Amino acid sequence: MSADMLPPWLLLPVSLLLIFGGLLTLLGSLGLLRMKTFYQRMHPPSMGNTMGAGCVLIASMLVSSGLAGRPVVHEVLIAVFIVTTSPITAMLLMGAAVHREASQREKREP
């Protein structure tokens, strides 16, 4: 089976999800360039890329299900992994930066 065999009612939401996911990822990347401090730079990529990847995974589930003729939910595991690890990684990086700044401040102040 190929993508030509998918019904038009399925191609429309898949196309919209792919476009929306790409735009969210692009906005997250542009936010990374636009922000000035490390803490500000953490938020846009974390949120934009997580939501962008979620849209692409939902589109992939729809196409896989349409081609297989049955529900295919393997991408749910990937989505759960991305949605849980991306924000946790961002929080850990921010916590490490706070700890580093505090230790540098202690070294400067006797």
C-alpha atoms as a PDB file:
ATOM      1  CA  MET A   1       0.000   0.000   0.000  1.00  0.00           C
ATOM      2  CA  SER A   2       1.114   3.551  -0.652  1.00  0.00           C
ATOM      3  CA  ALA A   3       0.009   6.997   0.450  1.00  0.00           C
ATOM      4  CA  ASP A   4      -1.986   7.315  -2.795  1.00  0.00           C
ATOM      5  CA  MET A   5      -4.466   4.817  -1.377  1.00  0.00           C
ATOM      6  CA  LEU A   6      -5.305   6.962   1.662  1.00  0.00           C
ATOM      7  CA  PRO A   7      -8.742   8.606   1.655  1.00  0.00           C
ATOM      8  CA  PRO A   8      -8.878  12.399   1.280  1.00  0.00           C
ATOM      9  CA  TRP A   9     -10.616  12.804   4.655  1.00  0.00           C
ATOM     10  CA  LEU A  10      -7.485  11.329   6.274  1.00  0.00           C
ATOM     11  CA  LEU A  11      -4.971  13.290   4.192  1.00  0.00           C
ATOM     12  CA  LEU A  12      -6.357  16.677   5.282  1.00  0.00           C
ATOM     13  CA  PRO A  13      -5.789  16.271   9.053  1.00  0.00           C
ATOM     14  CA  VAL A  14      -2.415  14.606   8.429  1.00  0.00           C
ATOM     15  CA  SER A  15      -1.312  17.516   6.234  1.00  0.00           C
ATOM     16  CA  LEU A  16      -2.520  20.094   8.760  1.00  0.00           C
ATOM     17  CA  LEU A  17      -0.774  18.291  11.633  1.00  0.00           C
ATOM     18  CA  LEU A  18       2.493  18.129   9.687  1.00  0.00           C
ATOM     19  CA  ILE A  19       2.321  21.825   8.775  1.00  0.00           C
ATOM     20  CA  PHE A  20       1.391  22.826  12.328  1.00  0.00           C
ATOM     21  CA  GLY A  21       4.149  20.614  13.785  1.00  0.00           C
ATOM     22  CA  GLY A  22       6.729  22.122  11.444  1.00  0.00           C
ATOM     23  CA  LEU A  23       5.636  25.654  12.315  1.00  0.00           C
ATOM     24  CA  LEU A  24       5.813  24.944  16.051  1.00  0.00           C
ATOM     25  CA  THR A  25       9.302  23.526  15.703  1.00  0.00           C
ATOM     26  CA  LEU A  26      10.374  26.517  13.598  1.00  0.00           C
ATOM     27  CA  LEU A  27       8.953  28.959  16.170  1.00  0.00           C
ATOM     28  CA  GLY A  28      10.783  27.133  18.965  1.00  0.00           C
ATOM     29  CA  SER A  29      14.038  27.385  17.044  1.00  0.00           C
ATOM     30  CA  LEU A  30      13.512  31.073  16.277  1.00  0.00           C
ATOM     31  CA  GLY A  31      12.721  31.667  19.950  1.00  0.00           C
ATOM     32  CA  LEU A  32      16.076  30.110  20.820  1.00  0.00           C
ATOM     33  CA  LEU A  33      17.833  32.652  18.600  1.00  0.00           C
ATOM     34  CA  ARG A  34      15.769  35.599  19.801  1.00  0.00           C
ATOM     35  CA  MET A  35      16.092  35.202  23.570  1.00  0.00           C
ATOM     36  CA  LYS A  36      19.062  36.746  25.364  1.00  0.00           C
ATOM     37  CA  THR A  37      19.725  34.770  28.566  1.00  0.00           C
ATOM     38  CA  PHE A  38      20.150  31.054  29.140  1.00  0.00           C
ATOM     39  CA  TYR A  39      16.946  30.811  31.180  1.00  0.00           C
ATOM     40  CA  GLN A  40      14.903  32.532  28.497  1.00  0.00           C
ATOM     41  CA  ARG A  41      16.450  30.301  25.825  1.00  0.00           C
ATOM     42  CA  MET A  42      15.320  27.124  27.569  1.00  0.00           C
ATOM     43  CA  HIS A  43      11.577  27.655  27.194  1.00  0.00           C
ATOM     44  CA  PRO A  44      10.860  28.098  23.434  1.00  0.00           C
ATOM     45  CA  PRO A  45      12.731  25.020  22.164  1.00  0.00           C
ATOM     46  CA  SER A  46      11.415  22.846  24.963  1.00  0.00           C
ATOM     47  CA  MET A  47       7.799  23.757  24.312  1.00  0.00           C
ATOM     48  CA  GLY A  48       7.953  24.210  20.539  1.00  0.00           C
ATOM     49  CA  ASN A  49       9.851  21.035  19.794  1.00  0.00           C
ATOM     50  CA  THR A  50       7.757  18.932  22.183  1.00  0.00           C
ATOM     51  CA  MET A  51       4.494  20.119  20.640  1.00  0.00           C
ATOM     52  CA  GLY A  52       5.925  19.912  17.115  1.00  0.00           C
ATOM     53  CA  ALA A  53       7.066  16.331  17.646  1.00  0.00           C
ATOM     54  CA  GLY A  54       3.650  15.501  19.117  1.00  0.00           C
ATOM     55  CA  CYS A  55       1.892  16.764  15.990  1.00  0.00           C
ATOM     56  CA  VAL A  56       4.212  14.780  13.717  1.00  0.00           C
ATOM     57  CA  LEU A  57       3.685  11.625  15.805  1.00  0.00           C
ATOM     58  CA  ILE A  58      -0.102  11.982  15.669  1.00  0.00           C
ATOM     59  CA  ALA A  59       0.123  12.425  11.885  1.00  0.00           C
ATOM     60  CA  SER A  60       2.307   9.315  11.702  1.00  0.00           C
ATOM     61  CA  MET A  61      -0.246   7.346  13.732  1.00  0.00           C
ATOM     62  CA  LEU A  62      -3.033   8.413  11.380  1.00  0.00           C
ATOM     63  CA  VAL A  63      -1.091   7.466   8.239  1.00  0.00           C
ATOM     64  CA  SER A  64       0.070   4.134   9.696  1.00  0.00           C
ATOM     65  CA  SER A  65      -3.455   3.297  10.792  1.00  0.00           C
ATOM     66  CA  GLY A  66      -4.852   4.247   7.392  1.00  0.00           C
ATOM     67  CA  LEU A  67      -2.315   2.118   5.536  1.00  0.00           C
ATOM     68  CA  ALA A  68      -2.629  -0.889   7.854  1.00  0.00           C
ATOM     69  CA  GLY A  69      -6.428  -0.728   8.038  1.00  0.00           C
ATOM     70  CA  ARG A  70      -6.302  -1.088  11.823  1.00  0.00           C
ATOM     71  CA  PRO A  71      -5.329   1.169  14.740  1.00  0.00           C
ATOM     72  CA  VAL A  72      -1.561   1.495  15.035  1.00  0.00           C
ATOM     73  CA  VAL A  73      -0.441   3.109  18.268  1.00  0.00           C
ATOM     74  CA  HIS A  74       3.293   2.378  18.418  1.00  0.00           C
ATOM     75  CA  GLU A  75       4.008   6.091  18.243  1.00  0.00           C
ATOM     76  CA  VAL A  76       2.247   6.599  21.580  1.00  0.00           C
ATOM     77  CA  LEU A  77       5.321   5.204  23.328  1.00  0.00           C
ATOM     78  CA  ILE A  78       7.539   7.682  21.503  1.00  0.00           C
ATOM     79  CA  ALA A  79       5.167  10.544  22.341  1.00  0.00           C
ATOM     80  CA  VAL A  80       5.086   9.601  26.039  1.00  0.00           C
ATOM     81  CA  PHE A  81       8.881   9.429  26.091  1.00  0.00           C
ATOM     82  CA  ILE A  82       9.293  12.846  24.431  1.00  0.00           C
ATOM     83  CA  VAL A  83       6.589  14.559  26.479  1.00  0.00           C
ATOM     84  CA  THR A  84       8.101  13.331  29.752  1.00  0.00           C
ATOM     85  CA  THR A  85      11.808  13.696  29.020  1.00  0.00           C
ATOM     86  CA  SER A  86      11.955  17.082  27.275  1.00  0.00           C
ATOM     87  CA  PRO A  87      10.502  19.194  30.121  1.00  0.00           C
ATOM     88  CA  ILE A  88      12.434  17.204  32.736  1.00  0.00           C
ATOM     89  CA  THR A  89      15.682  17.757  30.851  1.00  0.00           C
ATOM     90  CA  ALA A  90      14.946  21.490  30.613  1.00  0.00           C
ATOM     91  CA  MET A  91      14.288  21.692  34.357  1.00  0.00           C
ATOM     92  CA  LEU A  92      17.490  19.790  35.165  1.00  0.00           C
ATOM     93  CA  LEU A  93      19.544  22.074  32.915  1.00  0.00           C
ATOM     94  CA  MET A  94      18.049  25.165  34.548  1.00  0.00           C
ATOM     95  CA  GLY A  95      18.707  23.733  38.006  1.00  0.00           C
ATOM     96  CA  ALA A  96      22.340  23.053  37.079  1.00  0.00           C
ATOM     97  CA  ALA A  97      22.685  26.620  35.793  1.00  0.00           C
ATOM     98  CA  VAL A  98      21.266  28.035  39.039  1.00  0.00           C
ATOM     99  CA  HIS A  99      23.659  25.873  41.059  1.00  0.00           C
ATOM    100  CA  ARG A 100      26.615  26.947  38.892  1.00  0.00           C
ATOM    101  CA  GLU A 101      25.777  30.628  39.245  1.00  0.00           C
ATOM    102  CA  ALA A 102      25.436  30.259  43.013  1.00  0.00           C
ATOM    103  CA  SER A 103      28.812  28.542  43.318  1.00  0.00           C
ATOM    104  CA  GLN A 104      30.488  31.199  41.134  1.00  0.00           C
ATOM    105  CA  ARG A 105      28.904  33.914  43.280  1.00  0.00           C
ATOM    106  CA  GLU A 106      30.295  32.289  46.440  1.00  0.00           C
ATOM    107  CA  LYS A 107      33.796  32.212  44.939  1.00  0.00           C
ATOM    108  CA  ARG A 108      33.659  35.926  44.148  1.00  0.00           C
ATOM    109  CA  GLU A 109      32.317  36.986  47.551  1.00  0.00           C
ATOM    110  CA  PRO A 110      34.648  36.188  50.453  1.00  0.00           C
END
